[in-house]
Structure formats: structure tokens, C-alpha cells
N, C-alpha and C. Protein backbone atom coordinates (compact mmCIF):
# COMPACT_ATOMS: atom_id res chain seq x y z
N MET A 1 0.70 -1.34 0.00
CA MET A 1 0.04 -0.15 0.33
C MET A 1 0.99 1.41 -0.28
N THR A 2 0.25 2.37 -0.95
CA THR A 2 1.79 3.26 -0.88
C THR A 2 0.81 4.44 0.45
N ARG A 3 2.30 5.02 1.08
CA ARG A 3 2.63 5.61 2.03
C ARG A 3 2.48 7.19 1.34
N LYS A 4 1.98 7.76 2.40
CA LYS A 4 2.01 9.30 2.40
C LYS A 4 2.94 9.96 3.29
N PHE A 5 3.42 10.96 2.63
CA PHE A 5 4.40 11.86 3.10
C PHE A 5 3.74 12.70 4.27
N SER A 6 3.98 13.13 5.69
CA SER A 6 3.78 13.54 6.10
C SER A 6 4.90 14.31 7.16
N GLY A 7 4.65 15.34 7.79
CA GLY A 7 6.14 16.51 8.32
C GLY A 7 5.64 17.52 7.43
N SER A 8 6.97 18.63 8.33
CA SER A 8 7.52 20.09 6.96
C SER A 8 8.84 19.70 6.90
N LYS A 9 9.60 18.92 6.65
CA LYS A 9 10.87 18.89 6.71
C LYS A 9 11.77 17.41 5.64
N LEU A 10 11.79 17.81 4.82
CA LEU A 10 12.66 16.50 3.87
C LEU A 10 14.15 16.24 3.95
N ILE A 11 14.72 15.60 3.94
CA ILE A 11 16.09 15.50 3.98
C ILE A 11 16.34 14.72 1.85
N MET A 12 17.06 15.89 1.36
CA MET A 12 17.31 15.85 -0.01
C MET A 12 18.87 14.71 0.57
N ALA A 13 18.80 13.58 -0.20
CA ALA A 13 20.09 12.81 0.08
C ALA A 13 20.98 13.11 -1.58
N THR A 14 21.63 14.03 -1.07
CA THR A 14 22.28 14.34 -2.88
C THR A 14 23.26 15.59 -1.68
N HIS A 15 24.72 15.39 -2.50
CA HIS A 15 25.53 16.30 -2.34
C HIS A 15 25.96 17.34 -3.64
N ASN A 16 25.02 17.36 -4.60
CA ASN A 16 24.86 17.69 -5.47
C ASN A 16 24.28 18.84 -5.32
N ALA A 17 24.65 20.51 -5.63
CA ALA A 17 23.69 21.48 -5.16
C ALA A 17 22.65 21.68 -6.38
N GLY A 18 22.86 21.40 -7.63
CA GLY A 18 22.13 21.70 -8.83
C GLY A 18 21.05 20.81 -8.60
N LYS A 19 21.00 19.37 -8.07
CA LYS A 19 19.96 18.85 -8.07
C LYS A 19 19.11 19.02 -6.77
N LEU A 20 19.65 19.68 -5.54
CA LEU A 20 19.12 20.11 -4.46
C LEU A 20 18.43 21.35 -4.71
N ALA A 21 18.90 22.24 -5.44
CA ALA A 21 18.03 23.49 -6.01
C ALA A 21 17.22 23.50 -6.26
N GLU A 22 16.79 22.51 -7.62
CA GLU A 22 15.81 22.31 -8.55
C GLU A 22 14.42 21.39 -7.60
N ILE A 23 15.15 20.17 -6.66
CA ILE A 23 14.01 19.79 -5.97
C ILE A 23 13.70 20.43 -4.66
N ALA A 24 14.43 21.32 -4.13
CA ALA A 24 13.74 22.61 -3.16
C ALA A 24 12.80 23.79 -3.96
N GLU A 25 12.90 24.11 -5.38
CA GLU A 25 12.08 24.88 -5.91
C GLU A 25 10.67 24.28 -6.15
N LEU A 26 10.85 23.00 -6.22
CA LEU A 26 9.75 22.31 -7.05
C LEU A 26 8.78 22.00 -5.57
N MET A 27 9.77 22.00 -4.53
CA MET A 27 8.66 21.35 -3.41
C MET A 27 8.58 23.10 -2.48
N ALA A 28 8.86 23.89 -2.71
CA ALA A 28 8.80 25.45 -1.90
C ALA A 28 7.09 25.43 -1.74
N PRO A 29 6.51 24.87 -2.81
CA PRO A 29 4.78 25.61 -2.65
C PRO A 29 4.18 24.69 -1.71
N LYS A 30 4.50 23.52 -1.39
CA LYS A 30 4.33 22.61 -0.20
C LYS A 30 4.36 23.14 1.47
N GLY A 31 5.40 23.91 1.44
CA GLY A 31 6.01 24.25 2.44
C GLY A 31 6.52 23.54 3.07
N ILE A 32 7.09 22.95 2.18
CA ILE A 32 7.88 21.66 2.70
C ILE A 32 9.65 22.19 2.61
N ALA A 33 10.22 22.55 4.08
CA ALA A 33 12.14 22.54 3.97
C ALA A 33 12.73 21.20 3.72
N VAL A 34 13.56 21.86 2.60
CA VAL A 34 14.03 20.81 1.89
C VAL A 34 15.77 20.98 2.21
N ILE A 35 16.51 19.87 3.07
CA ILE A 35 17.90 19.97 3.47
C ILE A 35 18.50 18.64 3.45
N SER A 36 20.23 19.24 2.97
CA SER A 36 20.57 18.11 1.72
C SER A 36 21.49 17.56 3.19
N ALA A 37 21.51 16.36 2.18
CA ALA A 37 22.70 15.19 3.58
C ALA A 37 23.96 15.88 3.41
N GLY A 38 24.60 16.91 2.33
CA GLY A 38 25.63 17.11 1.99
C GLY A 38 25.57 18.18 3.33
N SER A 39 24.50 18.67 3.32
CA SER A 39 25.01 19.75 4.66
C SER A 39 24.74 19.77 5.75
N LEU A 40 24.27 18.18 6.73
CA LEU A 40 24.00 17.63 7.58
C LEU A 40 24.80 16.46 8.22
N GLY A 41 26.19 16.65 6.92
CA GLY A 41 27.30 15.65 6.90
C GLY A 41 27.01 14.57 7.37
N LEU A 42 25.70 14.02 6.77
CA LEU A 42 26.16 12.51 6.08
C LEU A 42 26.41 12.12 4.90
N PRO A 43 26.88 10.72 4.94
CA PRO A 43 28.01 9.94 4.17
C PRO A 43 27.42 9.65 3.39
N SER A 44 27.83 9.61 2.29
CA SER A 44 27.06 9.07 0.66
C SER A 44 27.24 7.57 0.63
N PRO A 45 26.18 7.18 0.36
CA PRO A 45 26.44 5.50 0.02
C PRO A 45 27.18 4.93 -1.08
N GLU A 46 28.16 4.14 -1.26
CA GLU A 46 28.50 3.14 -2.66
C GLU A 46 27.65 2.89 -3.51
N GLU A 47 27.31 3.55 -4.53
CA GLU A 47 26.43 3.30 -5.85
C GLU A 47 26.48 1.96 -6.76
N THR A 48 26.33 1.20 -5.51
CA THR A 48 26.58 -0.52 -6.37
C THR A 48 25.78 -1.16 -7.19
N GLY A 49 24.75 -0.39 -7.80
CA GLY A 49 23.69 -0.52 -7.99
C GLY A 49 23.71 -0.52 -9.42
N THR A 50 22.98 -1.33 -10.43
CA THR A 50 23.05 -1.21 -11.76
C THR A 50 22.15 -0.65 -12.38
N THR A 51 21.20 -0.42 -11.78
CA THR A 51 19.49 0.50 -12.59
C THR A 51 20.03 2.17 -11.15
N PHE A 52 19.06 2.86 -11.93
CA PHE A 52 18.73 4.09 -11.57
C PHE A 52 17.95 3.76 -10.29
N GLU A 53 17.05 2.85 -10.38
CA GLU A 53 16.56 2.65 -9.27
C GLU A 53 16.55 2.74 -7.70
N ALA A 54 17.95 1.20 -8.18
CA ALA A 54 18.52 0.77 -7.38
C ALA A 54 18.94 1.43 -6.52
N ASN A 55 19.93 2.42 -7.19
CA ASN A 55 21.12 3.52 -6.91
C ASN A 55 19.70 4.69 -5.87
N ALA A 56 18.77 5.10 -6.68
CA ALA A 56 18.28 5.65 -5.70
C ALA A 56 17.46 5.33 -4.53
N ILE A 57 17.62 3.91 -4.36
CA ILE A 57 16.62 3.80 -3.17
C ILE A 57 17.84 3.46 -1.97
N LEU A 58 19.07 2.95 -2.90
CA LEU A 58 20.70 3.16 -1.94
C LEU A 58 20.81 3.94 -0.71
N LYS A 59 20.46 5.33 -1.93
CA LYS A 59 20.71 7.01 -1.46
C LYS A 59 19.82 7.17 -0.39
N ALA A 60 18.57 6.99 -0.80
CA ALA A 60 17.45 7.36 0.49
C ALA A 60 16.99 6.60 1.63
N VAL A 61 17.45 5.44 1.66
CA VAL A 61 17.49 4.35 2.54
C VAL A 61 18.14 4.72 3.57
N ALA A 62 19.84 5.38 3.19
CA ALA A 62 20.96 5.60 3.61
C ALA A 62 20.71 6.52 4.43
N ALA A 63 20.08 8.04 3.60
CA ALA A 63 20.01 9.30 4.09
C ALA A 63 18.53 9.29 5.62
N ALA A 64 17.88 8.12 4.83
CA ALA A 64 16.84 8.39 5.96
C ALA A 64 17.35 7.71 7.15
N GLN A 65 18.17 6.67 7.21
CA GLN A 65 18.10 6.08 8.51
C GLN A 65 19.44 6.46 9.45
N HIS A 66 20.03 7.41 9.09
CA HIS A 66 20.95 8.07 9.76
C HIS A 66 20.96 9.47 10.07
N SER A 67 19.59 9.95 9.21
CA SER A 67 18.89 11.29 9.64
C SER A 67 18.08 10.72 10.66
N GLY A 68 16.84 10.04 10.46
CA GLY A 68 15.53 10.06 11.25
C GLY A 68 14.86 10.58 10.68
N THR A 69 14.61 11.25 9.37
CA THR A 69 13.95 11.69 8.76
C THR A 69 13.73 11.22 7.42
N ILE A 70 12.35 11.47 6.91
CA ILE A 70 12.20 10.77 5.76
C ILE A 70 13.18 11.75 4.56
N ALA A 71 13.63 10.84 3.44
CA ALA A 71 14.59 11.62 2.82
C ALA A 71 13.95 10.85 1.25
N LEU A 72 14.63 11.80 0.41
CA LEU A 72 14.22 11.79 -1.04
C LEU A 72 15.95 11.86 -1.43
N ALA A 73 15.25 10.57 -2.48
CA ALA A 73 17.10 10.87 -3.40
C ALA A 73 16.49 10.64 -5.19
N ASP A 74 17.49 10.70 -5.70
CA ASP A 74 17.22 11.08 -6.72
C ASP A 74 18.16 10.28 -7.98
N ASP A 75 18.26 9.20 -8.31
CA ASP A 75 19.33 8.85 -9.35
C ASP A 75 19.03 9.20 -10.86
N SER A 76 19.71 9.88 -11.82
CA SER A 76 19.35 10.46 -13.35
C SER A 76 21.06 10.34 -13.95
N GLY A 77 20.75 10.00 -15.04
CA GLY A 77 21.66 10.46 -16.17
C GLY A 77 21.37 10.43 -17.08
N LEU A 78 22.55 9.92 -18.35
CA LEU A 78 22.20 10.70 -19.68
C LEU A 78 22.13 8.98 -20.10
N ALA A 79 21.30 9.15 -21.52
CA ALA A 79 21.66 7.35 -21.72
C ALA A 79 21.29 7.93 -23.14
N VAL A 80 22.68 7.66 -23.83
CA VAL A 80 22.96 8.17 -25.37
C VAL A 80 22.13 6.87 -26.03
N THR A 81 21.47 7.00 -27.28
CA THR A 81 21.32 5.94 -28.16
C THR A 81 22.50 4.91 -28.55
N ALA A 82 23.43 5.88 -29.43
CA ALA A 82 24.92 5.55 -30.10
C ALA A 82 25.53 5.10 -29.39
N LEU A 83 25.54 4.74 -27.96
CA LEU A 83 26.36 4.64 -27.35
C LEU A 83 26.01 3.54 -26.12
N ASN A 84 24.73 2.63 -26.53
CA ASN A 84 24.23 1.51 -25.93
C ASN A 84 23.28 2.11 -24.60
N GLY A 85 22.65 3.38 -24.62
CA GLY A 85 22.77 3.73 -23.30
C GLY A 85 23.62 4.21 -22.56
N ALA A 86 24.81 4.40 -22.61
CA ALA A 86 25.93 5.08 -22.16
C ALA A 86 25.49 6.46 -21.87
N PRO A 87 26.27 7.32 -20.54
CA PRO A 87 26.60 6.95 -19.47
C PRO A 87 25.76 6.40 -18.58
N GLY A 88 24.95 6.34 -18.93
CA GLY A 88 23.86 5.65 -18.31
C GLY A 88 23.61 5.82 -16.73
N VAL A 89 23.92 5.03 -16.02
CA VAL A 89 24.32 4.94 -14.28
C VAL A 89 25.44 5.47 -13.98
N TYR A 90 26.09 5.64 -14.82
CA TYR A 90 27.82 5.54 -14.76
C TYR A 90 27.74 7.19 -14.94
N SER A 91 26.91 8.11 -15.35
CA SER A 91 26.61 9.58 -15.87
C SER A 91 27.79 10.45 -14.99
N ALA A 92 27.15 10.20 -13.80
CA ALA A 92 28.68 11.20 -13.00
C ALA A 92 29.78 10.96 -12.89
N ARG A 93 30.02 9.56 -12.82
CA ARG A 93 31.51 8.63 -12.91
C ARG A 93 32.11 9.18 -14.37
N TRP A 94 31.61 9.97 -14.95
CA TRP A 94 32.34 10.02 -16.52
C TRP A 94 32.82 11.42 -16.42
N ALA A 95 31.63 12.30 -14.87
CA ALA A 95 33.02 13.52 -14.98
C ALA A 95 33.79 13.63 -13.39
N PRO A 96 35.41 13.05 -13.86
CA PRO A 96 36.20 13.13 -12.57
C PRO A 96 36.30 14.33 -11.89
N ALA A 97 35.97 14.27 -10.66
CA ALA A 97 35.53 15.34 -9.59
C ALA A 97 34.76 16.48 -9.86
N GLY A 98 33.51 15.63 -10.84
CA GLY A 98 32.44 16.51 -10.99
C GLY A 98 32.99 17.80 -12.24
N ASP A 99 33.91 17.78 -13.35
CA ASP A 99 34.22 18.07 -14.01
C ASP A 99 33.49 17.57 -15.71
N PHE A 100 32.10 18.28 -15.60
CA PHE A 100 31.64 18.03 -16.10
C PHE A 100 31.65 18.48 -18.06
N GLN A 101 32.24 19.48 -18.26
CA GLN A 101 33.40 19.59 -19.50
C GLN A 101 33.70 18.34 -19.87
N THR A 102 34.66 17.79 -19.42
CA THR A 102 35.69 16.28 -19.60
C THR A 102 34.34 15.64 -19.88
N ALA A 103 33.15 15.49 -19.41
CA ALA A 103 32.28 14.40 -19.71
C ALA A 103 31.23 14.55 -20.54
N MET A 104 31.41 16.08 -20.86
CA MET A 104 30.50 16.26 -22.81
C MET A 104 31.40 15.49 -23.68
N ALA A 105 32.42 16.18 -23.29
CA ALA A 105 33.67 16.32 -24.90
C ALA A 105 33.76 14.48 -24.51
N LEU A 106 33.81 13.42 -23.76
CA LEU A 106 33.90 12.52 -23.58
C LEU A 106 32.62 11.67 -24.70
N VAL A 107 31.11 12.34 -24.17
CA VAL A 107 30.03 11.66 -24.97
C VAL A 107 30.64 12.09 -26.36
N GLN A 108 31.27 13.40 -26.72
CA GLN A 108 30.92 13.68 -28.22
C GLN A 108 31.98 13.02 -28.56
N GLU A 109 33.64 12.30 -27.76
CA GLU A 109 34.45 11.89 -28.56
C GLU A 109 33.76 10.44 -29.15
N LYS A 110 33.07 10.16 -28.40
CA LYS A 110 32.68 8.48 -28.70
C LYS A 110 31.48 7.99 -29.51
N LEU A 111 30.46 9.64 -29.74
CA LEU A 111 29.92 9.61 -30.99
C LEU A 111 30.70 9.72 -31.98
N GLY A 112 31.52 10.32 -32.62
CA GLY A 112 31.98 10.80 -33.12
C GLY A 112 31.27 11.35 -34.66
N ALA A 113 31.05 10.81 -35.75
CA ALA A 113 30.55 10.77 -36.63
C ALA A 113 29.08 10.03 -36.61
N ALA A 114 28.71 9.67 -35.39
CA ALA A 114 27.24 8.74 -35.52
C ALA A 114 26.18 9.60 -35.92
N ILE A 115 25.56 9.46 -36.75
CA ILE A 115 24.44 10.32 -37.26
C ILE A 115 23.21 9.94 -36.45
N ASP A 116 23.26 9.16 -35.87
CA ASP A 116 21.99 8.97 -34.36
C ASP A 116 22.08 9.83 -33.33
N ARG A 117 21.79 10.69 -32.77
CA ARG A 117 22.68 11.53 -31.87
C ARG A 117 21.36 11.51 -30.95
N SER A 118 20.30 10.86 -30.79
CA SER A 118 19.15 11.20 -29.95
C SER A 118 19.91 10.18 -28.30
N ALA A 119 18.72 10.92 -27.24
CA ALA A 119 19.55 10.45 -25.78
C ALA A 119 18.52 10.88 -25.09
N ALA A 120 18.31 10.59 -23.94
CA ALA A 120 17.44 10.77 -22.91
C ALA A 120 18.06 10.95 -21.48
N PHE A 121 17.10 12.12 -20.70
CA PHE A 121 17.47 11.87 -19.63
C PHE A 121 16.79 11.41 -19.10
N ILE A 122 17.01 10.60 -17.90
CA ILE A 122 16.39 9.64 -17.64
C ILE A 122 16.46 9.58 -15.32
N CYS A 123 15.38 10.22 -14.66
CA CYS A 123 15.45 9.87 -13.27
C CYS A 123 14.61 9.03 -12.92
N THR A 124 15.33 8.71 -11.58
CA THR A 124 14.08 7.76 -10.60
C THR A 124 14.36 8.72 -9.24
N LEU A 125 13.12 8.81 -8.57
CA LEU A 125 12.73 9.49 -7.20
C LEU A 125 12.75 8.30 -6.44
N ALA A 126 13.48 8.19 -5.43
CA ALA A 126 12.73 6.89 -4.27
C ALA A 126 12.76 7.83 -2.68
N LEU A 127 11.78 7.72 -2.73
CA LEU A 127 11.03 7.97 -1.04
C LEU A 127 11.12 7.34 0.36
N ALA A 128 12.38 7.75 1.25
CA ALA A 128 12.29 6.51 2.13
C ALA A 128 12.35 6.95 3.40
N TRP A 129 11.38 6.11 4.26
CA TRP A 129 11.24 6.43 5.69
C TRP A 129 12.62 5.84 6.56
N PRO A 130 12.34 6.20 7.87
CA PRO A 130 13.55 5.83 8.67
C PRO A 130 13.29 4.12 8.84
N ASP A 131 12.10 3.99 8.83
CA ASP A 131 12.35 2.17 9.04
C ASP A 131 12.17 1.36 7.86
N GLY A 132 12.56 2.19 6.75
CA GLY A 132 13.02 1.36 5.53
C GLY A 132 11.70 1.66 4.28
N HIS A 133 10.97 1.52 4.51
CA HIS A 133 9.87 1.60 3.65
C HIS A 133 10.35 2.61 2.24
N VAL A 134 9.95 2.22 1.21
CA VAL A 134 10.58 2.78 0.18
C VAL A 134 9.42 3.21 -1.13
N GLU A 135 9.27 3.92 -1.43
CA GLU A 135 8.09 4.27 -2.42
C GLU A 135 9.32 5.42 -3.85
N THR A 136 8.85 4.67 -4.86
CA THR A 136 9.50 5.26 -6.13
C THR A 136 9.12 5.09 -7.49
N VAL A 137 9.21 6.20 -8.20
CA VAL A 137 8.80 6.22 -8.99
C VAL A 137 10.19 7.15 -10.16
N ALA A 138 9.44 6.99 -11.91
CA ALA A 138 11.02 7.08 -13.12
C ALA A 138 9.86 8.31 -13.76
N ALA A 139 10.88 8.70 -14.46
CA ALA A 139 10.54 9.37 -15.72
C ALA A 139 11.31 10.15 -16.59
N HIS A 140 10.90 9.97 -17.96
CA HIS A 140 12.09 10.18 -18.66
C HIS A 140 11.95 11.79 -19.79
N CYS A 141 12.90 12.24 -19.91
CA CYS A 141 12.81 12.79 -21.11
C CYS A 141 13.66 12.76 -22.85
N THR A 142 13.09 13.06 -24.09
CA THR A 142 13.78 12.71 -24.84
C THR A 142 14.32 14.16 -25.75
N GLY A 143 15.68 13.47 -26.30
CA GLY A 143 15.93 14.59 -27.01
C GLY A 143 17.42 14.60 -27.85
N GLU A 144 18.61 15.19 -28.00
CA GLU A 144 19.46 14.59 -29.09
C GLU A 144 20.60 15.44 -28.41
N ILE A 145 21.88 15.32 -28.37
CA ILE A 145 22.79 15.46 -28.05
C ILE A 145 23.40 16.60 -29.02
N VAL A 146 23.80 17.69 -28.94
CA VAL A 146 24.18 18.58 -29.81
C VAL A 146 26.05 19.18 -29.44
N TRP A 147 26.36 19.69 -30.09
CA TRP A 147 28.15 20.13 -29.72
C TRP A 147 28.44 21.11 -30.73
N PRO A 148 29.16 22.07 -30.36
CA PRO A 148 29.97 22.20 -28.93
C PRO A 148 28.31 23.01 -28.05
N PRO A 149 29.12 22.27 -26.44
CA PRO A 149 27.90 22.87 -25.77
C PRO A 149 27.59 24.05 -25.85
N ARG A 150 26.16 24.53 -25.19
CA ARG A 150 25.63 25.52 -25.10
C ARG A 150 25.04 26.35 -24.06
N GLY A 151 25.18 27.73 -23.40
CA GLY A 151 24.42 28.18 -22.24
C GLY A 151 25.35 27.27 -21.17
N SER A 152 24.95 28.70 -20.02
CA SER A 152 25.58 28.37 -18.60
C SER A 152 24.83 27.54 -17.46
N GLY A 153 23.45 27.67 -17.89
CA GLY A 153 22.56 27.68 -17.22
C GLY A 153 22.30 25.55 -16.71
N GLY A 154 21.86 25.42 -15.17
CA GLY A 154 21.24 24.00 -15.25
C GLY A 154 22.73 23.42 -14.88
N PHE A 155 23.04 22.27 -14.99
CA PHE A 155 24.13 21.64 -15.02
C PHE A 155 24.20 20.30 -15.27
N GLY A 156 25.63 19.28 -14.73
CA GLY A 156 25.85 18.06 -15.83
C GLY A 156 26.03 18.73 -17.53
N TYR A 157 25.07 17.47 -17.74
CA TYR A 157 25.15 17.26 -19.28
C TYR A 157 24.23 18.59 -20.08
N ASP A 158 23.11 19.59 -19.04
CA ASP A 158 22.97 20.50 -19.85
C ASP A 158 23.23 20.77 -21.22
N PRO A 159 23.74 21.66 -21.04
CA PRO A 159 24.56 22.07 -21.69
C PRO A 159 24.90 21.27 -23.00
N VAL A 160 24.72 20.16 -23.72
CA VAL A 160 24.29 19.30 -24.65
C VAL A 160 23.58 18.44 -24.97
N PHE A 161 22.51 18.78 -24.53
CA PHE A 161 21.19 18.31 -24.39
C PHE A 161 19.77 19.09 -24.94
N GLN A 162 19.55 19.14 -26.24
CA GLN A 162 18.66 19.69 -26.59
C GLN A 162 17.25 19.07 -26.69
N ALA A 163 16.28 19.21 -25.76
CA ALA A 163 14.96 18.33 -25.99
C ALA A 163 13.87 18.19 -26.82
N ARG A 164 13.04 16.97 -26.57
CA ARG A 164 12.31 17.22 -28.22
C ARG A 164 10.81 17.58 -26.99
N GLY A 165 10.16 17.99 -27.79
CA GLY A 165 8.48 18.49 -27.49
C GLY A 165 8.18 17.33 -26.95
N GLU A 166 6.93 17.38 -26.13
CA GLU A 166 5.79 16.34 -25.64
C GLU A 166 5.63 14.99 -26.72
N SER A 167 5.71 15.71 -28.04
CA SER A 167 4.78 14.40 -29.16
C SER A 167 6.02 13.70 -29.82
N GLY A 168 7.53 14.50 -29.29
CA GLY A 168 8.77 13.81 -29.89
C GLY A 168 9.06 14.66 -31.17
N GLU A 169 8.48 15.74 -31.16
CA GLU A 169 8.76 16.68 -32.46
C GLU A 169 9.85 17.33 -31.49
N SER A 170 10.87 17.71 -32.56
CA SER A 170 12.39 18.37 -32.57
C SER A 170 12.30 19.89 -32.28
N GLY A 171 11.17 20.29 -32.12
CA GLY A 171 11.14 22.32 -31.98
C GLY A 171 11.41 23.05 -31.28
N GLU A 172 12.09 22.22 -30.36
CA GLU A 172 13.16 23.28 -29.24
C GLU A 172 14.29 23.41 -29.84
N THR A 173 14.66 24.92 -29.93
CA THR A 173 16.19 24.88 -30.67
C THR A 173 17.24 25.19 -29.26
N ARG A 174 16.86 25.06 -28.69
CA ARG A 174 17.91 25.79 -27.13
C ARG A 174 18.25 24.03 -26.22
N THR A 175 19.59 24.07 -25.76
CA THR A 175 19.76 23.41 -24.95
C THR A 175 19.33 23.54 -23.50
N PHE A 176 19.06 22.52 -22.72
CA PHE A 176 18.99 22.97 -20.97
C PHE A 176 19.55 23.95 -20.39
N GLY A 177 20.95 23.93 -21.30
CA GLY A 177 21.83 25.05 -20.66
C GLY A 177 21.22 26.23 -20.72
N GLU A 178 20.93 26.83 -21.99
CA GLU A 178 20.90 27.81 -22.96
C GLU A 178 18.82 28.04 -21.95
N MET A 179 18.62 27.33 -21.01
CA MET A 179 16.99 28.06 -20.41
C MET A 179 16.84 27.80 -19.08
N THR A 180 15.69 28.91 -18.77
CA THR A 180 16.28 28.99 -17.58
C THR A 180 15.42 27.93 -16.30
N SER A 181 15.57 28.13 -15.00
CA SER A 181 15.11 26.68 -14.63
C SER A 181 13.60 26.39 -15.01
N ALA A 182 12.74 27.64 -14.97
CA ALA A 182 11.09 27.23 -15.26
C ALA A 182 10.89 27.05 -16.48
N GLU A 183 11.48 27.27 -17.27
CA GLU A 183 11.73 26.77 -18.81
C GLU A 183 12.45 25.40 -18.90
N LYS A 184 13.38 24.85 -18.25
CA LYS A 184 13.78 23.21 -18.41
C LYS A 184 12.53 22.57 -17.84
N ARG A 185 12.05 23.45 -16.77
CA ARG A 185 10.74 22.26 -16.30
C ARG A 185 9.97 22.00 -17.26
N HIS A 186 9.58 23.18 -18.17
CA HIS A 186 8.48 22.02 -19.11
C HIS A 186 8.71 21.10 -19.57
N TYR A 187 10.14 20.64 -19.49
CA TYR A 187 10.68 19.03 -20.44
C TYR A 187 10.98 18.32 -19.00
N SER A 188 11.86 18.92 -18.46
CA SER A 188 12.41 18.04 -17.16
C SER A 188 11.97 16.62 -16.79
N HIS A 189 13.03 15.89 -16.93
CA HIS A 189 13.09 14.38 -16.10
C HIS A 189 12.44 14.41 -15.08
N ARG A 190 13.35 15.36 -14.27
CA ARG A 190 13.55 14.92 -13.27
C ARG A 190 11.88 16.33 -12.40
N ALA A 191 11.70 17.10 -13.08
CA ALA A 191 10.20 17.90 -12.60
C ALA A 191 8.83 16.85 -13.56
N LYS A 192 9.39 16.01 -14.18
CA LYS A 192 8.17 14.70 -14.53
C LYS A 192 8.14 13.85 -13.45
N ALA A 193 9.39 13.48 -13.07
CA ALA A 193 9.16 12.48 -11.85
C ALA A 193 8.52 13.02 -10.87
N PHE A 194 9.07 14.34 -10.37
CA PHE A 194 8.84 14.96 -8.91
C PHE A 194 7.39 14.78 -9.11
N ALA A 195 6.74 15.40 -10.08
CA ALA A 195 5.38 15.30 -10.29
C ALA A 195 4.22 13.91 -10.36
N LEU A 196 5.06 13.08 -10.39
CA LEU A 196 4.76 11.48 -10.33
C LEU A 196 4.65 11.35 -8.97
N MET A 197 5.56 11.88 -8.09
CA MET A 197 5.84 11.61 -7.03
C MET A 197 4.78 12.31 -6.01
N MET A 198 4.59 13.31 -5.88
CA MET A 198 3.57 14.46 -5.87
C MET A 198 2.61 13.46 -5.31
N ASP A 199 2.13 13.47 -7.11
CA ASP A 199 0.36 12.75 -6.84
C ASP A 199 0.67 11.60 -5.64
N LYS A 200 1.75 10.34 -5.91
CA LYS A 200 1.32 9.51 -5.22
C LYS A 200 1.98 9.52 -3.82
N CYS A 201 2.63 10.44 -3.26
CA CYS A 201 3.00 10.52 -2.14
C CYS A 201 3.00 11.66 -1.04
N PHE A 202 1.92 12.83 -1.72
CA PHE A 202 2.11 13.99 -1.17
C PHE A 202 0.62 14.37 -1.15
């Protein structure tokens, strides 16, 4: 049976300032304070899962048990069709010490002259209670890889990802890096997953 969130405080199981800002902005209308695991000095569990869901659950459960508070974790990444879904769950690991310029360049290098540049951002959210109960949702956003990177907004691979519209048309000409946070939410995999989680548990 689906469990509903109760309370006014939520731990976001991340040390990523970009992810924290996105979730805090989405949660603000609910009057729920979002506190990062990083600011509390909570340890980051080793992400040993081979799926976004498995890693999201690992992070959410660890944060909930260490803090004694309900915790939300995101595991997300870029899946490039011509690279057989890579970098996928290893998206952050392609960026040594958080250097996503290197990660974006590696994606471009591996794509080379590939005609198919389609890709998707994928997000799984896990909401965990201190007793170990977990609820999960998942969503994605399709698009294509562009080069060179464009825009200084967003974070991660945003400057090389150009989203498609809801019906799959490629009418958007800007990358996520060129959008405001409000514009990005119209397409964002994380915003879609958040909406699903809100419907399910809030």
C-alpha cells in the first residue's frame, strides 16, 4: 500500500547543489523545507546498483536511516542511444571530480560521426522512511546531443542536451543549459518524476 508523506521537513539525499536547488524549488509551494544530506554531513553510500532505481533506493534509505527523517533521493543520468545507453547510471563517474566539461567531451568523442544523436535524460526518485519503507517513481525526457556545448545554466550534461517536445517533435532549439529553470521544468525528467511522486505520496 502506498505510504503518504507527513511532516514539514525532508532530507534530500544529495551532495549535488544543482539537484538540491531543483528539488527545493519544486517543493517550495508545499511549504516543505528541503535539507541536503551534504549540509548535515551524512555519508554518501557507495552506488553499487546497476539501475537508476537501485541507486536511488540505496541513497534514500541511507539518508533516512542516518537522519531519522524521511529522505528523497534522485538517481538520474544521460542515456545516449548510439552508445547503447551509456553513460547511463555511470553519468556522474564520467565526470572526474565533477568535471562535466570532460564528461560532455567524452560523449562527443565516443559519438564521433554517428548519425543517430538521440538521447534521453532518465530520473528515478526514491522516497524512504527511517523504518525502511520506500516508494519510487521514474520519468524521462527525450532529445538529442548537440555540439559544442551551449549555455551556462543548469548543471551536468545540460549544455549538450536539446529536448524534444511532448509529442516527440524536435521543435526546441535551445539546450537545457540555455533555459531558465522554469523553462527547463517544462521538459525536465526530474520535474516529471517529481510530479509523479507528488501525486503518489504527497
